[in-house]
Amino acid sequence: MTDPDRIWTEAAGRLKTEIGDGPFSSYIAPSAVRLDASGNLILVTPTAYARDWVRKNALRRMNELWLGLDGLSRRLDVRCRAEVGSPAPATAFPAGEAPRLASVGGVTAPVPMSVQAAAMAASSFAPATDGARAVRAAGLQERLTFDSFVEGQGNAFALAIAKQVASWADGHFNPVFFCGPYGYGKTHLLNAIAWEAQRLRPDAKVVYLTAERFLSTFVRAMQDRSTAAFKESLRSADMLLLDDVQFVGGKTSTQEELLSTLTALIEDGKRIVLSADRAPTALTDVEPRLRSHLSAGLTCPVEAADRNLKIAVAQSRLNALARLGVVSGEARTDVLEHLVDRTPGSMRELEGAVNTLAAVAGARLSTLGVDEAQSLLGVALRGGPERRITVDEIQKTVADHFNLKQADLLSERRTRAIARPRQIAMYLCKQHTTRSYPDIGRRFGGRDHTTVLHGVRKIEELMPKEEQIARDVEALTRKLRG
């Protein structure tokens, strides 16, 4: 046997039975055997990640099978599409599938895969949707654009990457995966990318979906026996944006469909942008093969906002409301600072507090003082008089959260397992009580006020940098507001 197409069909079929359907469909099936300019046989994979997987896990066995079938004793090498360039070779045969045959002048010859793919695209791909109307139909929020996104230390890198993706610049990373605590701008970035990408390329098909909508639409398509149309609607996209990927965890069939979709889009050189509340490697409910695909591009953290960024976000939201005529004048700096300090949760919660302040203050915003703002927000945000949180309650809540005893927080022990929770408790005391630094110090085993000040500043410094600390503070805040 010397025909590469027959050899590859036979070898790929045997390989599939040995490595299983999952790895085969993910890494081998999207690849094709080609003859390069020198007549050497190469397996071309859609991505560098797939190339590396094949080299590590399958190339040796692939060559054993190939040499056992090839009468010319040729060896097979593997390269990714970027290494061989985009022009189609003379022959390209899909894994495990005999090539289609065409008769030319009485001679039957294999049709190159590029010709087959072009014919399929012409006959079955849906036409691109028309510009910004398609984006609006996707359920995006018009106010979530790059212009309304407030840049800070914790999101500067993510914003730069988002703008690069939206510009359709030739990037080296696909997919791009934004991750971080909920409520700190991931959805805003995906919305902004979609709006800007569609503005720059009105003829492109930009698809934005939440993972929940992806799941429900896929389930409905299976029930209606219209999965082919569902697949085509996504795989004909030039850019796919999928928000809150963590929600596909535990949904086996949905994960398989998502994996197939990502593989097809990457193979076609289309752009993929995803988001989740954790990094791909931490999505333990997601099947390993899908998790590896999510990790294959660029993982871009969106960190929790520091105090300065939150103040800037609050000011930006008030400015937007002023342009709409909801409020007049500007809020005092101390009022904004108080608002931020009393809303230590996510940006969404802060925005809700700003909206509440604007609604109850209206034209009096510029003359509103801290005491009056506190009174108004206490009633409006909690539906009644504000519940008083005590230092003792904070200490007990923090100790329980970290599996410690309250006495540990008051002790002289300075191990990291105790010192960090103690600093978090001090920070929460400053945020949720009216106690002074010296008073807080006395209630933590008679410590000096400088120790409390250092602890509070340390947590303020770490929250934008360490996701777990931000999560702990957010969870404790919710418990205290309980």
Protein backbone atom coordinates (compact mmCIF):
# COMPACT_ATOMS: atom_id res chain seq x y z
CA MET A 1 0.00 0.00 0.00
CA THR A 2 1.45 3.38 -1.03
CA ASP A 3 -1.50 5.78 -1.34
CA PRO A 4 -1.36 8.23 1.61
CA ASP A 5 -5.15 8.51 1.75
CA ARG A 6 -5.67 4.76 2.13
CA ILE A 7 -2.83 4.43 4.62
CA TRP A 8 -4.15 7.32 6.72
CA THR A 9 -7.71 6.01 6.69
CA GLU A 10 -6.54 2.62 7.92
CA ALA A 11 -4.01 3.93 10.46
CA ALA A 12 -6.41 6.52 11.88
CA GLY A 13 -9.14 3.91 12.26
CA ARG A 14 -6.83 1.67 14.27
CA LEU A 15 -5.56 4.58 16.35
CA LYS A 16 -9.10 5.59 17.23
CA THR A 17 -9.83 2.18 18.75
CA GLU A 18 -6.64 2.41 20.83
CA ILE A 19 -6.86 5.94 22.27
CA GLY A 20 -10.66 6.23 22.47
CA ASP A 21 -13.28 8.46 20.85
CA GLY A 22 -12.67 11.47 23.11
CA PRO A 23 -8.97 12.15 22.45
CA PHE A 24 -9.37 11.10 18.81
CA SER A 25 -12.21 13.53 18.14
CA SER A 26 -10.40 16.35 19.96
CA TYR A 27 -6.91 16.07 18.50
CA ILE A 28 -6.75 13.63 15.58
CA ALA A 29 -10.07 14.05 13.75
CA PRO A 30 -9.63 17.82 13.13
CA SER A 31 -6.17 17.15 11.64
CA ALA A 32 -5.21 16.13 8.09
CA VAL A 33 -2.26 14.42 6.38
CA ARG A 34 -0.56 16.53 3.76
CA LEU A 35 2.37 16.36 1.39
CA ASP A 36 4.69 19.34 1.82
CA ALA A 37 6.70 20.98 -0.98
CA SER A 38 9.51 18.44 -0.50
CA GLY A 39 7.17 15.47 -0.72
CA ASN A 40 7.33 14.69 3.01
CA LEU A 41 4.23 13.52 4.82
CA ILE A 42 3.03 15.71 7.69
CA LEU A 43 0.01 15.64 9.97
CA VAL A 44 -1.33 19.21 10.19
CA THR A 45 -3.20 20.04 13.42
CA PRO A 46 -5.43 23.11 13.83
CA THR A 47 -3.54 24.45 16.86
CA ALA A 48 -0.12 24.30 18.46
CA TYR A 49 -1.72 22.78 21.55
CA ALA A 50 -3.08 19.88 19.49
CA ARG A 51 0.34 19.46 17.82
CA ASP A 52 2.07 19.20 21.19
CA TRP A 53 -0.53 16.70 22.43
CA VAL A 54 -0.05 14.50 19.37
CA ARG A 55 3.74 14.62 19.68
CA LYS A 56 3.58 13.63 23.33
CA ASN A 57 0.80 11.05 23.26
CA ALA A 58 0.22 9.66 19.77
CA LEU A 59 2.98 10.35 17.23
CA ARG A 60 5.11 7.32 18.11
CA ARG A 61 2.20 4.90 17.82
CA MET A 62 0.95 6.70 14.72
CA ASN A 63 4.27 6.09 12.97
CA GLU A 64 4.29 2.45 14.04
CA LEU A 65 0.91 1.99 12.40
CA TRP A 66 1.94 4.02 9.36
CA LEU A 67 5.18 2.09 8.77
CA GLY A 68 3.32 -1.18 9.09
CA LEU A 69 1.07 -0.16 6.20
CA ASP A 70 3.25 2.03 3.96
CA GLY A 71 5.13 0.10 1.27
CA LEU A 72 7.53 3.05 0.90
CA SER A 73 8.44 3.07 4.62
CA ARG A 74 7.81 6.81 4.99
CA ARG A 75 7.58 8.48 8.38
CA LEU A 76 4.97 10.98 9.49
CA ASP A 77 5.80 14.29 11.16
CA VAL A 78 3.35 16.66 12.87
CA ARG A 79 3.01 20.44 12.56
CA CYS A 80 0.31 22.96 13.36
CA ARG A 81 -1.49 25.02 10.75
CA ALA A 82 0.44 28.19 11.60
CA GLU A 83 3.73 26.44 10.78
CA VAL A 84 2.67 25.28 7.32
CA GLY A 85 0.80 28.44 6.31
CA SER A 86 -2.71 28.89 5.04
CA PRO A 87 -2.37 27.94 1.33
CA ALA A 88 -3.93 24.54 0.73
CA PRO A 89 -1.57 21.73 -0.32
CA ALA A 90 -2.02 19.42 -3.25
CA THR A 91 -3.62 16.77 -1.06
CA ALA A 92 -5.18 16.82 2.37
CA PHE A 93 -7.04 13.86 3.78
CA PRO A 94 -9.23 13.95 6.93
CA ALA A 95 -8.57 11.58 9.79
CA GLY A 96 -10.46 8.30 9.53
CA GLU A 97 -12.36 9.31 6.39
CA ALA A 98 -11.70 8.27 2.81
CA PRO A 99 -11.27 11.24 0.44
CA ARG A 100 -14.03 12.13 -1.95
CA LEU A 101 -13.23 11.19 -5.53
CA ALA A 102 -13.68 13.30 -8.64
CA SER A 103 -13.39 12.20 -12.22
CA VAL A 104 -11.37 14.48 -14.50
CA GLY A 105 -10.77 13.40 -18.09
CA GLY A 106 -11.62 9.82 -17.19
CA VAL A 107 -9.10 9.73 -14.33
CA THR A 108 -10.41 9.41 -10.78
CA ALA A 109 -8.46 11.42 -8.18
CA PRO A 110 -8.96 12.52 -4.59
CA VAL A 111 -10.49 15.97 -4.06
CA PRO A 112 -8.35 18.17 -1.74
CA MET A 113 -9.99 18.90 1.63
CA SER A 114 -9.78 22.63 0.99
CA VAL A 115 -12.09 22.21 -2.01
CA GLN A 116 -14.48 20.04 0.02
CA ALA A 117 -14.57 22.56 2.85
CA ALA A 118 -15.18 25.44 0.46
CA ALA A 119 -18.07 23.59 -1.14
CA MET A 120 -19.60 22.77 2.23
CA ALA A 121 -19.26 26.37 3.38
CA ALA A 122 -20.93 27.69 0.26
CA SER A 123 -23.86 25.32 0.60
CA SER A 124 -24.54 25.13 4.34
CA PHE A 125 -23.11 28.11 6.23
CA ALA A 126 -25.67 30.72 7.20
CA PRO A 127 -24.99 34.24 5.90
CA ALA A 128 -23.42 36.71 8.29
CA THR A 129 -25.90 38.75 10.25
CA ASP A 130 -26.11 42.43 9.42
CA GLY A 131 -24.01 44.51 11.73
CA ALA A 132 -25.01 46.12 14.97
CA ARG A 133 -28.61 44.88 14.78
CA ALA A 134 -27.34 41.33 15.28
CA VAL A 135 -25.39 42.38 18.34
CA ARG A 136 -28.45 44.05 19.89
CA ALA A 137 -30.44 40.91 19.22
CA ALA A 138 -27.87 38.91 21.20
CA GLY A 139 -28.97 40.52 24.48
CA LEU A 140 -25.99 42.78 25.07
CA GLN A 141 -26.29 45.88 27.22
CA GLU A 142 -25.67 49.04 25.23
CA ARG A 143 -24.11 50.93 28.14
CA LEU A 144 -21.39 48.29 28.67
CA THR A 145 -18.76 49.67 26.30
CA PHE A 146 -15.08 50.51 26.54
CA ASP A 147 -16.00 54.16 27.07
CA SER A 148 -17.92 53.32 30.24
CA PHE A 149 -15.32 50.89 31.60
CA VAL A 150 -13.24 52.41 34.42
CA GLU A 151 -9.61 51.32 34.35
CA GLY A 152 -7.67 50.56 37.51
CA GLN A 153 -4.72 48.60 38.80
CA GLY A 154 -6.65 45.34 39.02
CA ASN A 155 -8.12 45.38 35.51
CA ALA A 156 -5.60 47.28 33.34
CA PHE A 157 -4.10 44.15 31.78
CA ALA A 158 -7.51 42.62 31.11
CA LEU A 159 -8.70 45.86 29.49
CA ALA A 160 -5.64 45.99 27.21
CA ILE A 161 -6.20 42.41 26.07
CA ALA A 162 -9.92 43.04 25.53
CA LYS A 163 -9.19 46.02 23.28
CA GLN A 164 -6.68 43.97 21.31
CA VAL A 165 -9.23 41.21 20.74
CA ALA A 166 -11.93 43.69 19.75
CA SER A 167 -9.64 45.30 17.16
CA TRP A 168 -9.40 41.98 15.25
CA ALA A 169 -5.63 42.28 15.46
CA ASP A 170 -3.74 39.09 14.68
CA GLY A 171 -3.26 37.76 18.16
CA HIS A 172 -1.23 34.82 19.37
CA PHE A 173 -3.79 33.72 21.95
CA ASN A 174 -7.02 31.89 21.22
CA PRO A 175 -9.16 31.44 23.21
CA VAL A 176 -8.88 34.39 25.59
CA PHE A 177 -10.26 33.49 29.02
CA PHE A 178 -11.16 36.25 31.52
CA CYS A 179 -11.49 35.04 35.11
CA GLY A 180 -12.04 36.59 38.50
CA PRO A 181 -14.61 37.24 41.25
CA TYR A 182 -18.14 37.97 40.12
CA GLY A 183 -19.15 41.59 39.76
CA TYR A 184 -15.77 43.09 38.83
CA GLY A 185 -16.14 43.67 35.09
CA LYS A 186 -15.85 40.41 33.13
CA THR A 187 -19.31 40.73 31.59
CA HIS A 188 -18.62 44.41 30.89
CA LEU A 189 -15.45 43.48 28.99
CA LEU A 190 -17.21 40.82 26.89
CA ASN A 191 -19.99 43.26 26.04
CA ALA A 192 -17.47 45.95 25.13
CA ILE A 193 -15.52 43.53 22.92
CA ALA A 194 -18.69 42.57 21.06
CA TRP A 195 -19.76 46.17 20.45
CA GLU A 196 -16.32 47.31 19.28
CA ALA A 197 -15.65 44.23 17.13
CA GLN A 198 -18.99 44.68 15.37
CA ARG A 199 -18.35 48.39 14.86
CA LEU A 200 -14.98 47.73 13.24
CA ARG A 201 -16.30 44.87 11.08
CA PRO A 202 -20.03 45.38 10.42
CA ASP A 203 -20.10 42.39 8.08
CA ALA A 204 -18.71 39.97 10.69
CA LYS A 205 -20.89 37.60 12.70
CA VAL A 206 -20.34 38.29 16.41
CA VAL A 207 -22.16 35.93 18.78
CA TYR A 208 -22.49 36.64 22.51
CA LEU A 209 -24.07 34.09 24.83
CA THR A 210 -24.18 33.40 28.51
CA ALA A 211 -23.36 29.79 29.38
CA GLU A 212 -26.88 29.46 30.75
CA ARG A 213 -28.35 30.52 27.41
CA PHE A 214 -25.95 28.20 25.56
CA LEU A 215 -27.19 25.35 27.76
CA SER A 216 -30.90 26.10 27.42
CA THR A 217 -30.68 26.65 23.65
CA PHE A 218 -28.76 23.40 23.18
CA VAL A 219 -31.28 21.44 25.26
CA ARG A 220 -34.15 22.94 23.28
CA ALA A 221 -32.39 22.09 20.03
CA MET A 222 -32.04 18.45 21.11
CA GLN A 223 -35.71 18.32 22.05
CA ASP A 224 -36.71 19.84 18.71
CA ARG A 225 -34.21 17.69 16.80
CA SER A 226 -32.59 20.82 15.41
CA THR A 227 -29.05 20.37 16.72
CA ALA A 228 -27.60 20.77 13.23
CA ALA A 229 -29.00 24.30 12.99
CA PHE A 230 -27.77 25.07 16.50
CA LYS A 231 -24.25 23.91 15.65
CA GLU A 232 -24.24 25.90 12.42
CA SER A 233 -25.43 29.09 14.10
CA LEU A 234 -22.37 29.01 16.36
CA ARG A 235 -19.74 27.54 14.06
CA SER A 236 -20.41 30.11 11.35
CA ALA A 237 -19.49 32.88 13.82
CA ASP A 238 -16.41 35.01 13.25
CA MET A 239 -16.22 35.71 16.99
CA LEU A 240 -17.88 33.77 19.80
CA LEU A 241 -18.13 35.27 23.30
CA LEU A 242 -19.34 32.95 26.06
CA ASP A 243 -19.94 34.36 29.54
CA ASP A 244 -19.94 32.47 32.89
CA VAL A 245 -18.54 29.20 31.55
CA GLN A 246 -18.54 27.71 35.06
CA PHE A 247 -22.26 26.98 34.66
CA VAL A 248 -21.65 24.18 32.14
CA GLY A 249 -19.95 22.20 34.93
CA GLY A 250 -21.57 18.81 35.44
CA LYS A 251 -23.55 19.01 32.16
CA THR A 252 -21.88 16.22 30.17
CA SER A 253 -23.62 16.57 26.80
CA THR A 254 -23.38 20.36 26.90
CA GLN A 255 -19.66 20.16 27.62
CA GLU A 256 -19.17 17.81 24.68
CA GLU A 257 -21.01 20.19 22.37
CA LEU A 258 -19.02 23.17 23.67
CA LEU A 259 -15.75 21.28 23.16
CA SER A 260 -16.73 20.42 19.57
CA THR A 261 -17.71 24.04 18.93
CA LEU A 262 -14.44 25.42 20.29
CA THR A 263 -12.41 22.91 18.29
CA ALA A 264 -14.25 23.76 15.07
CA LEU A 265 -13.90 27.52 15.54
CA ILE A 266 -10.21 27.32 16.43
CA GLU A 267 -9.60 25.09 13.43
CA ASP A 268 -11.21 27.74 11.21
CA GLY A 269 -9.16 30.54 12.79
CA LYS A 270 -12.17 32.19 14.43
CA ARG A 271 -11.92 34.24 17.65
CA ILE A 272 -13.14 32.88 20.99
CA VAL A 273 -13.56 34.86 24.23
CA LEU A 274 -14.76 33.27 27.46
CA SER A 275 -15.22 34.21 31.09
CA ALA A 276 -15.71 32.44 34.42
CA ASP A 277 -15.43 33.15 38.12
CA ARG A 278 -12.33 30.95 38.31
CA ALA A 279 -9.32 30.11 36.16
CA PRO A 280 -9.84 27.13 33.80
CA THR A 281 -7.67 24.85 35.93
CA ALA A 282 -9.95 25.52 38.93
CA LEU A 283 -13.15 24.49 37.09
CA THR A 284 -13.19 21.06 38.70
CA ASP A 285 -16.74 20.28 37.53
CA VAL A 286 -15.66 20.70 33.90
CA GLU A 287 -14.49 17.64 31.97
CA PRO A 288 -10.63 17.54 31.69
CA ARG A 289 -10.52 17.67 27.88
CA LEU A 290 -12.67 20.79 27.79
CA ARG A 291 -10.69 22.28 30.67
CA SER A 292 -7.46 21.80 28.72
CA HIS A 293 -8.94 23.58 25.69
CA LEU A 294 -10.06 26.48 27.87
CA SER A 295 -6.50 26.74 29.22
CA ALA A 296 -4.82 26.55 25.83
CA GLY A 297 -4.92 30.26 24.96
CA LEU A 298 -4.50 33.17 27.37
CA THR A 299 -5.90 33.19 30.90
CA CYS A 300 -6.42 36.82 31.85
CA PRO A 301 -7.32 37.64 35.47
CA VAL A 302 -9.74 40.44 36.36
CA GLU A 303 -8.82 41.23 39.94
CA ALA A 304 -10.96 42.66 42.70
CA ALA A 305 -11.05 46.45 42.70
CA ASP A 306 -9.10 48.53 45.21
CA ARG A 307 -10.64 51.49 47.03
CA ASN A 308 -9.47 54.11 44.52
CA LEU A 309 -10.95 52.21 41.60
CA LYS A 310 -14.26 51.79 43.42
CA ILE A 311 -14.42 55.53 44.08
CA ALA A 312 -13.73 56.18 40.39
CA VAL A 313 -16.48 53.70 39.39
CA ALA A 314 -18.96 55.37 41.75
CA GLN A 315 -18.10 58.79 40.31
CA SER A 316 -18.41 57.48 36.75
CA ARG A 317 -21.87 56.07 37.48
CA LEU A 318 -23.02 59.33 39.05
CA ASN A 319 -21.73 61.22 36.00
CA ALA A 320 -23.78 58.93 33.75
CA LEU A 321 -26.89 59.52 35.88
CA ALA A 322 -26.26 63.27 35.79
CA ARG A 323 -26.22 63.17 31.98
CA LEU A 324 -29.60 61.47 32.13
CA GLY A 325 -30.93 64.19 34.44
CA VAL A 326 -31.42 61.85 37.41
CA VAL A 327 -29.16 63.93 39.66
CA SER A 328 -27.75 67.44 39.51
CA GLY A 329 -24.38 68.57 40.79
CA GLU A 330 -21.56 66.39 42.09
CA ALA A 331 -21.39 64.32 45.25
CA ARG A 332 -18.94 65.36 47.94
CA THR A 333 -15.73 63.34 48.08
CA ASP A 334 -16.35 62.21 51.66
CA VAL A 335 -19.84 60.99 50.69
CA LEU A 336 -18.40 58.89 47.86
CA GLU A 337 -15.73 57.50 50.16
CA HIS A 338 -18.35 56.61 52.75
CA LEU A 339 -20.49 54.96 50.07
CA VAL A 340 -17.56 52.82 48.93
CA ASP A 341 -16.58 51.88 52.48
CA ARG A 342 -20.14 50.83 53.30
CA THR A 343 -20.33 48.67 50.12
CA PRO A 344 -17.30 46.37 50.25
CA GLY A 345 -18.83 43.77 47.93
CA SER A 346 -18.70 43.60 44.14
CA MET A 347 -18.94 46.43 41.63
CA ARG A 348 -22.54 45.48 40.96
CA GLU A 349 -23.42 46.04 44.61
CA LEU A 350 -21.57 49.35 44.54
CA GLU A 351 -23.46 50.41 41.42
CA GLY A 352 -26.71 49.50 43.12
CA ALA A 353 -25.77 51.65 46.11
CA VAL A 354 -24.92 54.57 43.79
CA ASN A 355 -28.28 54.20 42.05
CA THR A 356 -30.02 54.19 45.41
CA LEU A 357 -28.15 57.29 46.55
CA ALA A 358 -29.01 59.09 43.31
CA ALA A 359 -32.67 58.13 43.59
CA VAL A 360 -33.10 59.30 47.18
CA ALA A 361 -30.88 62.40 46.87
CA GLY A 362 -31.85 63.72 43.43
CA ALA A 363 -31.23 67.46 43.20
CA ARG A 364 -29.86 67.52 46.77
CA LEU A 365 -26.85 65.34 45.87
CA SER A 366 -24.28 68.15 45.93
CA THR A 367 -25.36 69.34 49.40
CA LEU A 368 -25.71 65.89 50.93
CA GLY A 369 -23.43 65.19 53.89
CA VAL A 370 -22.07 61.87 55.18
CA ASP A 371 -24.52 61.58 58.08
CA GLU A 372 -27.55 62.20 55.90
CA ALA A 373 -26.23 59.86 53.19
CA GLN A 374 -25.70 57.14 55.79
CA SER A 375 -29.22 57.59 57.07
CA LEU A 376 -30.73 57.51 53.59
CA LEU A 377 -28.72 54.49 52.47
CA GLY A 378 -29.37 52.63 55.69
CA VAL A 379 -33.12 52.81 55.15
CA ALA A 380 -33.14 52.40 51.37
CA LEU A 381 -30.65 49.53 51.09
CA ARG A 382 -31.85 47.50 54.02
CA GLY A 383 -35.54 48.38 54.16
CA GLY A 384 -35.37 49.81 57.68
CA PRO A 385 -32.98 51.05 60.34
CA GLU A 386 -29.44 49.78 59.73
CA ARG A 387 -28.49 46.79 61.87
CA ARG A 388 -25.59 47.50 64.18
CA ILE A 389 -22.59 45.18 63.71
CA THR A 390 -20.32 44.78 66.73
CA VAL A 391 -16.60 44.01 67.03
CA ASP A 392 -17.43 40.86 68.96
CA GLU A 393 -19.74 39.66 66.16
CA ILE A 394 -17.04 40.28 63.58
CA GLN A 395 -14.47 38.35 65.59
CA LYS A 396 -16.79 35.37 66.02
CA THR A 397 -17.77 35.36 62.33
CA VAL A 398 -14.15 35.56 61.13
CA ALA A 399 -13.01 32.86 63.56
CA ASP A 400 -15.78 30.54 62.40
CA HIS A 401 -15.02 31.23 58.72
CA PHE A 402 -11.35 30.25 59.15
CA ASN A 403 -12.02 27.39 61.58
CA LEU A 404 -10.36 29.20 64.47
CA LYS A 405 -11.37 30.13 68.00
CA GLN A 406 -12.20 33.72 68.82
CA ALA A 407 -9.43 33.58 71.42
CA ASP A 408 -6.90 32.89 68.63
CA LEU A 409 -7.61 36.32 67.13
CA LEU A 410 -6.98 37.97 70.50
CA SER A 411 -3.85 35.96 71.31
CA GLU A 412 -0.20 36.89 70.74
CA ARG A 413 0.27 34.14 68.15
CA ARG A 414 1.66 35.50 64.86
CA THR A 415 1.56 32.50 62.56
CA ARG A 416 0.21 33.27 59.11
CA ALA A 417 -2.82 31.04 59.67
CA ILE A 418 -3.89 33.37 62.50
CA ALA A 419 -2.28 36.72 61.61
CA ARG A 420 -4.06 37.06 58.26
CA PRO A 421 -7.57 36.30 59.61
CA ARG A 422 -6.84 38.73 62.46
CA GLN A 423 -5.97 41.46 59.92
CA ILE A 424 -9.15 40.69 57.96
CA ALA A 425 -11.18 41.01 61.17
CA MET A 426 -9.53 44.37 61.92
CA TYR A 427 -10.31 45.54 58.38
CA LEU A 428 -13.96 44.51 58.74
CA CYS A 429 -14.18 46.27 62.12
CA LYS A 430 -13.02 49.48 60.49
CA GLN A 431 -15.47 49.06 57.60
CA HIS A 432 -18.57 48.08 59.57
CA THR A 433 -18.26 49.82 62.94
CA THR A 434 -17.61 53.35 64.11
CA ARG A 435 -14.79 52.24 66.42
CA SER A 436 -11.49 54.11 66.24
CA TYR A 437 -8.14 52.39 65.59
CA PRO A 438 -7.15 52.54 69.32
CA ASP A 439 -10.53 51.14 70.37
CA ILE A 440 -10.29 48.28 67.87
CA GLY A 441 -6.75 47.56 69.10
CA ARG A 442 -7.92 47.30 72.69
CA ARG A 443 -10.59 44.80 71.68
CA PHE A 444 -7.95 42.65 69.93
CA GLY A 445 -5.98 41.78 73.04
CA GLY A 446 -4.80 45.30 73.88
CA ARG A 447 -2.88 45.93 70.65
CA ASP A 448 -1.53 49.35 69.65
CA HIS A 449 -3.49 51.43 67.14
CA THR A 450 -0.56 51.26 64.69
CA THR A 451 -0.95 47.47 64.56
CA VAL A 452 -4.59 47.87 63.57
CA LEU A 453 -3.72 50.52 60.99
CA HIS A 454 -1.08 48.22 59.49
CA GLY A 455 -3.56 45.31 59.36
CA VAL A 456 -6.26 47.37 57.65
CA ARG A 457 -3.84 48.74 55.05
CA LYS A 458 -2.40 45.27 54.44
CA ILE A 459 -5.81 43.85 53.56
CA GLU A 460 -6.57 46.86 51.33
CA GLU A 461 -3.28 46.19 49.55
CA LEU A 462 -3.82 42.42 49.17
CA MET A 463 -7.45 42.39 48.04
CA PRO A 464 -6.71 43.50 44.43
CA LYS A 465 -3.78 41.08 44.20
CA GLU A 466 -4.98 37.90 45.91
CA GLU A 467 -8.32 36.59 44.72
CA GLN A 468 -8.86 34.35 47.74
CA ILE A 469 -8.60 37.23 50.21
CA ALA A 470 -11.11 39.22 48.15
CA ARG A 471 -13.45 36.22 48.20
CA ASP A 472 -13.04 35.81 51.97
CA VAL A 473 -13.80 39.49 52.65
CA GLU A 474 -16.82 39.36 50.35
CA ALA A 475 -18.18 36.18 51.97
CA LEU A 476 -17.67 37.55 55.48
CA THR A 477 -19.38 40.81 54.55
CA ARG A 478 -22.42 38.86 53.38
CA LYS A 479 -22.50 36.85 56.59
CA LEU A 480 -22.28 39.97 58.74
CA ARG A 481 -25.11 41.64 56.82
CA GLY A 482 -26.97 38.28 57.11
